[in-house]
N, C-alpha and C. Protein backbone atom coordinates (compact mmCIF):
# COMPACT_ATOMS: atom_id res chain seq x y z
N MET A 1 13.86 -5.94 16.23
CA MET A 1 14.96 -6.46 15.41
C MET A 1 16.20 -5.77 15.85
N ASN A 2 17.20 -6.63 15.57
CA ASN A 2 18.70 -6.10 16.42
C ASN A 2 19.49 -5.56 15.33
N VAL A 3 19.09 -5.31 13.93
CA VAL A 3 20.03 -4.65 13.01
C VAL A 3 19.02 -3.50 12.41
N ASN A 4 19.81 -2.54 11.73
CA ASN A 4 18.91 -1.29 11.38
C ASN A 4 19.69 -1.06 9.89
N PHE A 5 18.39 -1.04 8.96
CA PHE A 5 18.89 -0.85 7.51
C PHE A 5 18.83 0.64 7.24
N SER A 6 18.41 1.49 7.96
CA SER A 6 18.22 3.03 7.76
C SER A 6 19.49 3.47 7.07
N GLY A 7 19.37 4.28 6.08
CA GLY A 7 20.37 4.92 5.50
C GLY A 7 20.87 4.14 4.23
N PHE A 8 20.91 2.94 4.03
CA PHE A 8 21.29 2.32 2.85
C PHE A 8 21.00 2.79 1.68
N ASN A 9 21.93 3.14 0.69
CA ASN A 9 21.69 3.60 -0.42
C ASN A 9 20.43 4.45 -0.71
N GLU A 10 20.21 5.32 0.03
CA GLU A 10 19.03 6.34 0.23
C GLU A 10 19.36 7.54 -1.03
N ASN A 11 18.25 7.51 -1.81
CA ASN A 11 18.30 8.68 -2.75
C ASN A 11 17.08 9.22 -2.78
N VAL A 12 17.09 10.61 -2.95
CA VAL A 12 15.82 11.34 -2.71
C VAL A 12 15.80 12.31 -3.81
N LEU A 13 14.57 12.60 -4.71
CA LEU A 13 14.38 13.48 -5.66
C LEU A 13 13.26 14.50 -5.56
N THR A 14 13.36 15.46 -5.98
CA THR A 14 12.24 16.47 -5.68
C THR A 14 11.43 16.48 -6.82
N PHE A 15 10.02 16.34 -6.65
CA PHE A 15 9.00 16.41 -7.64
C PHE A 15 8.05 17.59 -7.16
N ILE A 16 7.15 18.02 -8.15
CA ILE A 16 6.01 18.74 -7.81
C ILE A 16 5.21 17.80 -7.32
N ALA A 17 4.55 18.40 -6.00
CA ALA A 17 3.31 17.52 -5.23
C ALA A 17 2.09 17.72 -5.76
N ASP A 18 1.13 16.81 -6.25
CA ASP A 18 -0.08 17.03 -6.43
C ASP A 18 -0.71 17.49 -5.28
N SER A 19 -1.87 18.20 -5.68
CA SER A 19 -2.70 18.93 -4.51
C SER A 19 -3.31 17.72 -3.46
N GLY A 20 -3.46 16.59 -3.75
CA GLY A 20 -3.83 15.55 -2.82
C GLY A 20 -2.85 14.93 -1.92
N LEU A 21 -1.42 15.44 -2.32
CA LEU A 21 -0.43 14.79 -1.47
C LEU A 21 -0.16 15.67 -0.34
N THR A 22 -0.68 15.43 0.92
CA THR A 22 -0.69 16.38 2.10
C THR A 22 0.10 15.78 3.24
N GLU A 23 0.78 14.49 3.11
CA GLU A 23 1.35 14.01 4.17
C GLU A 23 2.64 13.16 3.76
N THR A 24 3.53 13.08 4.71
CA THR A 24 4.75 12.36 4.18
C THR A 24 4.71 10.91 5.08
N GLY A 25 5.44 10.22 4.57
CA GLY A 25 5.57 8.85 4.85
C GLY A 25 4.49 7.85 4.17
N VAL A 26 4.13 8.45 2.94
CA VAL A 26 3.23 7.75 2.25
C VAL A 26 3.67 7.21 0.85
N PRO A 27 3.25 6.08 0.37
CA PRO A 27 3.68 5.60 -0.88
C PRO A 27 3.19 6.71 -2.06
N VAL A 28 4.02 6.87 -2.96
CA VAL A 28 3.58 7.82 -4.06
C VAL A 28 3.89 7.21 -5.54
N LYS A 29 3.26 7.89 -6.49
CA LYS A 29 3.14 7.35 -7.89
C LYS A 29 3.25 8.52 -8.81
N LEU A 30 3.90 8.40 -9.87
CA LEU A 30 3.99 9.55 -10.99
C LEU A 30 2.52 9.83 -11.29
N SER A 31 2.07 11.06 -11.30
CA SER A 31 0.64 11.45 -11.83
C SER A 31 0.62 12.29 -12.98
N ALA A 32 1.71 12.92 -13.24
CA ALA A 32 1.95 13.75 -14.47
C ALA A 32 3.43 13.88 -14.53
N GLU A 33 3.77 14.52 -15.73
CA GLU A 33 5.08 14.85 -15.83
C GLU A 33 5.89 15.61 -14.73
N GLY A 34 6.77 15.00 -13.99
CA GLY A 34 7.53 15.71 -12.88
C GLY A 34 6.72 15.95 -11.56
N THR A 35 5.58 15.07 -11.59
CA THR A 35 4.59 15.32 -10.49
C THR A 35 4.20 13.94 -9.67
N VAL A 36 4.41 13.99 -8.42
CA VAL A 36 3.84 12.77 -7.66
C VAL A 36 2.44 13.01 -6.99
N ALA A 37 1.65 11.74 -6.79
CA ALA A 37 0.54 11.98 -6.18
C ALA A 37 0.54 10.70 -5.07
N LYS A 38 -0.29 10.84 -3.95
CA LYS A 38 -0.39 9.75 -3.08
C LYS A 38 -1.10 8.52 -3.82
N CYS A 39 -0.73 7.38 -3.48
CA CYS A 39 -1.01 6.37 -4.18
C CYS A 39 -2.63 5.98 -3.76
N GLY A 40 -3.37 5.41 -4.58
CA GLY A 40 -4.58 4.99 -4.31
C GLY A 40 -4.75 3.28 -4.31
N ASN A 41 -5.88 2.87 -4.29
CA ASN A 41 -6.19 1.32 -4.24
C ASN A 41 -5.67 0.66 -5.53
N GLY A 42 -4.68 -0.22 -5.46
CA GLY A 42 -4.13 -1.11 -6.32
C GLY A 42 -3.01 -0.55 -7.01
N ASP A 43 -2.62 0.65 -6.79
CA ASP A 43 -1.49 1.57 -7.34
C ASP A 43 -0.15 0.93 -6.96
N ALA A 44 0.79 0.75 -7.75
CA ALA A 44 2.16 0.37 -7.68
C ALA A 44 2.81 1.63 -7.21
N PHE A 45 3.76 1.67 -6.32
CA PHE A 45 4.33 3.01 -6.06
C PHE A 45 5.87 3.07 -6.62
N CYS A 46 6.38 4.08 -6.73
CA CYS A 46 7.67 4.51 -7.10
C CYS A 46 8.48 4.79 -6.05
N GLY A 47 7.85 5.21 -4.93
CA GLY A 47 8.73 5.73 -3.82
C GLY A 47 8.02 6.15 -2.60
N VAL A 48 8.69 6.83 -1.60
CA VAL A 48 8.10 7.16 -0.59
C VAL A 48 8.30 8.80 -0.23
N CYS A 49 6.98 9.41 0.14
CA CYS A 49 7.15 10.96 0.16
C CYS A 49 8.03 11.15 1.71
N VAL A 50 8.97 11.79 1.61
CA VAL A 50 9.71 12.02 2.85
C VAL A 50 9.77 13.61 3.11
N GLY A 51 9.11 14.28 2.55
CA GLY A 51 9.04 15.77 2.89
C GLY A 51 8.06 16.39 1.87
N LEU A 52 7.56 17.50 2.42
CA LEU A 52 6.56 18.40 1.51
C LEU A 52 7.01 19.78 1.96
N ARG A 53 7.14 20.76 0.97
CA ARG A 53 7.29 22.18 1.35
C ARG A 53 7.09 22.96 0.00
N ASN A 54 6.30 23.89 0.03
CA ASN A 54 5.96 25.10 -0.96
C ASN A 54 5.55 24.33 -2.29
N GLY A 55 4.77 23.26 -2.26
CA GLY A 55 4.11 22.77 -3.57
C GLY A 55 5.05 21.61 -4.04
N PHE A 56 6.23 21.14 -3.37
CA PHE A 56 7.28 20.24 -3.82
C PHE A 56 7.19 19.17 -2.70
N ALA A 57 7.59 18.04 -3.45
CA ALA A 57 7.71 16.62 -2.65
C ALA A 57 9.09 16.05 -2.64
N ALA A 58 9.55 15.70 -1.57
CA ALA A 58 10.86 15.11 -1.51
C ALA A 58 10.47 13.47 -1.61
N VAL A 59 11.10 12.75 -2.49
CA VAL A 59 10.50 11.40 -2.70
C VAL A 59 11.58 10.42 -2.68
N GLN A 60 11.73 9.48 -1.52
CA GLN A 60 12.99 8.52 -1.61
C GLN A 60 12.47 7.52 -2.54
N LEU A 61 13.58 7.56 -3.69
CA LEU A 61 13.28 6.41 -4.73
C LEU A 61 14.18 5.10 -4.49
N CYS A 62 15.09 5.19 -3.60
CA CYS A 62 15.96 4.05 -3.48
C CYS A 62 16.27 3.98 -1.96
N GLY A 63 16.75 2.76 -1.65
CA GLY A 63 17.09 2.39 -0.33
C GLY A 63 16.15 1.79 0.59
N TYR A 64 16.35 1.74 1.74
CA TYR A 64 15.38 1.17 2.95
C TYR A 64 14.36 2.11 3.27
N ALA A 65 13.20 1.61 3.27
CA ALA A 65 11.66 2.50 3.69
C ALA A 65 10.98 1.59 4.62
N GLU A 66 10.45 2.04 5.52
CA GLU A 66 9.25 1.51 6.30
C GLU A 66 8.00 2.34 5.84
N LEU A 67 7.05 1.35 5.62
CA LEU A 67 5.78 1.70 5.28
C LEU A 67 4.60 1.06 6.06
N PRO A 68 3.48 1.60 6.27
CA PRO A 68 2.38 1.08 6.99
C PRO A 68 2.02 -0.19 6.12
N ALA A 69 1.70 -1.29 6.77
CA ALA A 69 1.21 -2.54 6.00
C ALA A 69 -0.28 -2.94 6.40
N ALA A 70 -0.90 -3.43 5.49
CA ALA A 70 -2.14 -4.05 5.60
C ALA A 70 -2.03 -5.30 6.44
N ALA A 71 -1.21 -6.09 6.51
CA ALA A 71 -0.84 -7.29 7.13
C ALA A 71 0.48 -7.76 6.95
N LYS A 72 0.91 -8.66 7.84
CA LYS A 72 2.34 -9.21 7.79
C LYS A 72 2.59 -9.77 6.35
N ILE A 73 3.63 -9.18 5.71
CA ILE A 73 4.21 -9.55 4.35
C ILE A 73 5.36 -10.33 4.43
N THR A 74 5.25 -11.58 3.74
CA THR A 74 6.63 -12.40 3.92
C THR A 74 7.97 -11.85 3.47
N VAL A 75 8.88 -12.02 4.14
CA VAL A 75 10.28 -11.66 3.52
C VAL A 75 10.74 -12.31 2.24
N GLY A 76 11.47 -11.41 1.61
CA GLY A 76 11.99 -11.84 0.25
C GLY A 76 11.45 -10.94 -0.71
N TYR A 77 11.67 -11.41 -2.11
CA TYR A 77 11.20 -10.46 -3.08
C TYR A 77 9.48 -10.71 -3.31
N GLN A 78 8.78 -9.69 -3.08
CA GLN A 78 7.27 -9.79 -3.33
C GLN A 78 6.78 -8.53 -3.92
N LYS A 79 5.67 -8.82 -4.47
CA LYS A 79 5.09 -7.75 -5.57
C LYS A 79 4.18 -7.10 -4.56
N LEU A 80 4.22 -5.84 -4.39
CA LEU A 80 3.51 -4.90 -3.54
C LEU A 80 2.86 -3.90 -4.18
N ALA A 81 1.61 -3.38 -3.74
CA ALA A 81 0.93 -2.26 -4.13
C ALA A 81 0.25 -1.67 -2.99
N VAL A 82 -0.39 -0.61 -3.08
CA VAL A 82 -1.21 0.16 -2.02
C VAL A 82 -2.67 -0.54 -2.15
N ASN A 83 -3.33 -0.70 -0.90
CA ASN A 83 -4.62 -1.14 -0.82
C ASN A 83 -5.67 0.10 -0.63
N SER A 84 -6.79 -0.13 -0.30
CA SER A 84 -7.85 0.94 -0.11
C SER A 84 -7.80 1.81 0.94
N GLY A 85 -6.85 1.23 1.83
CA GLY A 85 -6.69 1.97 3.37
C GLY A 85 -5.43 2.75 3.24
N GLY A 86 -4.75 2.76 2.01
CA GLY A 86 -3.28 3.34 2.01
C GLY A 86 -2.26 2.74 2.43
N LYS A 87 -2.40 1.37 2.56
CA LYS A 87 -1.29 0.55 3.39
C LYS A 87 -0.79 -0.20 2.20
N VAL A 88 0.27 -0.58 2.36
CA VAL A 88 1.03 -1.48 1.55
C VAL A 88 0.61 -3.12 1.75
N ALA A 89 0.39 -3.78 0.76
CA ALA A 89 -0.13 -5.05 0.60
C ALA A 89 0.58 -6.04 -0.45
N ALA A 90 0.61 -7.15 -0.30
CA ALA A 90 1.08 -8.18 -1.48
C ALA A 90 0.00 -8.15 -2.47
N ASN A 91 0.34 -7.84 -3.66
CA ASN A 91 -0.49 -7.85 -4.71
C ASN A 91 0.18 -8.20 -5.89
N THR A 92 -0.48 -9.22 -6.66
CA THR A 92 0.26 -9.75 -7.86
C THR A 92 0.40 -8.87 -9.06
N ASN A 93 -0.36 -7.75 -9.16
CA ASN A 93 -0.27 -6.76 -10.16
C ASN A 93 0.77 -5.65 -9.58
N GLY A 94 1.25 -5.63 -8.39
CA GLY A 94 2.33 -4.73 -7.74
C GLY A 94 3.57 -4.82 -8.24
N ARG A 95 4.62 -3.85 -7.85
CA ARG A 95 5.78 -3.81 -8.27
C ARG A 95 6.77 -4.74 -7.36
N GLU A 96 7.60 -5.34 -7.89
CA GLU A 96 8.55 -6.16 -6.87
C GLU A 96 9.52 -5.27 -6.06
N TYR A 97 9.56 -5.62 -4.74
CA TYR A 97 10.51 -4.99 -3.72
C TYR A 97 11.10 -6.23 -2.90
N LEU A 98 12.34 -5.91 -2.34
CA LEU A 98 12.81 -6.83 -1.49
C LEU A 98 12.33 -6.55 0.10
N VAL A 99 11.40 -7.31 0.63
CA VAL A 99 11.08 -7.17 1.90
C VAL A 99 12.10 -7.85 2.87
N VAL A 100 12.65 -6.99 3.77
CA VAL A 100 13.67 -7.36 4.67
C VAL A 100 13.14 -7.53 6.22
N ASP A 101 12.04 -6.94 6.45
CA ASP A 101 11.43 -6.97 7.80
C ASP A 101 10.19 -6.58 7.68
N ALA A 102 9.29 -7.40 8.57
CA ALA A 102 7.91 -6.95 8.55
C ALA A 102 7.16 -7.45 9.98
N ASP A 103 6.17 -6.63 10.30
CA ASP A 103 5.15 -7.24 11.10
C ASP A 103 3.70 -6.80 10.54
N ALA A 104 2.76 -7.16 11.64
CA ALA A 104 1.36 -6.99 11.14
C ALA A 104 1.04 -5.52 10.83
N ALA A 105 1.87 -4.77 11.27
CA ALA A 105 1.54 -3.15 11.10
C ALA A 105 2.53 -2.45 10.08
N ARG A 106 3.52 -3.03 9.82
CA ARG A 106 4.45 -2.08 9.04
C ARG A 106 5.35 -3.17 8.12
N VAL A 107 6.02 -2.68 7.08
CA VAL A 107 6.86 -3.44 6.19
C VAL A 107 8.16 -2.58 6.06
N GLY A 108 9.44 -3.25 6.08
CA GLY A 108 10.53 -2.58 5.52
C GLY A 108 11.03 -3.27 4.41
N ILE A 109 11.15 -2.18 3.49
CA ILE A 109 11.53 -2.72 1.98
C ILE A 109 12.87 -1.94 1.57
N ILE A 110 13.49 -2.73 0.32
CA ILE A 110 14.43 -1.91 -0.29
C ILE A 110 13.69 -1.38 -1.71
N LEU A 111 13.62 -0.27 -1.77
CA LEU A 111 13.17 0.47 -2.79
C LEU A 111 13.90 0.17 -4.15
């Protein structure tokens, strides 16, 4: 693609990281007050873990984010959730996001 959306309106907030959250670049959900966890099958996500350190997670809540996709997702507003493989997929029970670019392996969305 000839354009770059990185940096658009990015906002990151620090949360306590659930013990199961061990990697960055994954969709996360609130699991307890002030705590985020890695999403499981069918979970709608609130953001993307962009950093982990000393039991805390930096979570991007706004702006452009790229995530692994289960299949190519159509651009435009789509309801998305995480599938059993931990990848983003279209899901009627998911949260609505603006999909701005996608291919078979990744999706670029505005959180």
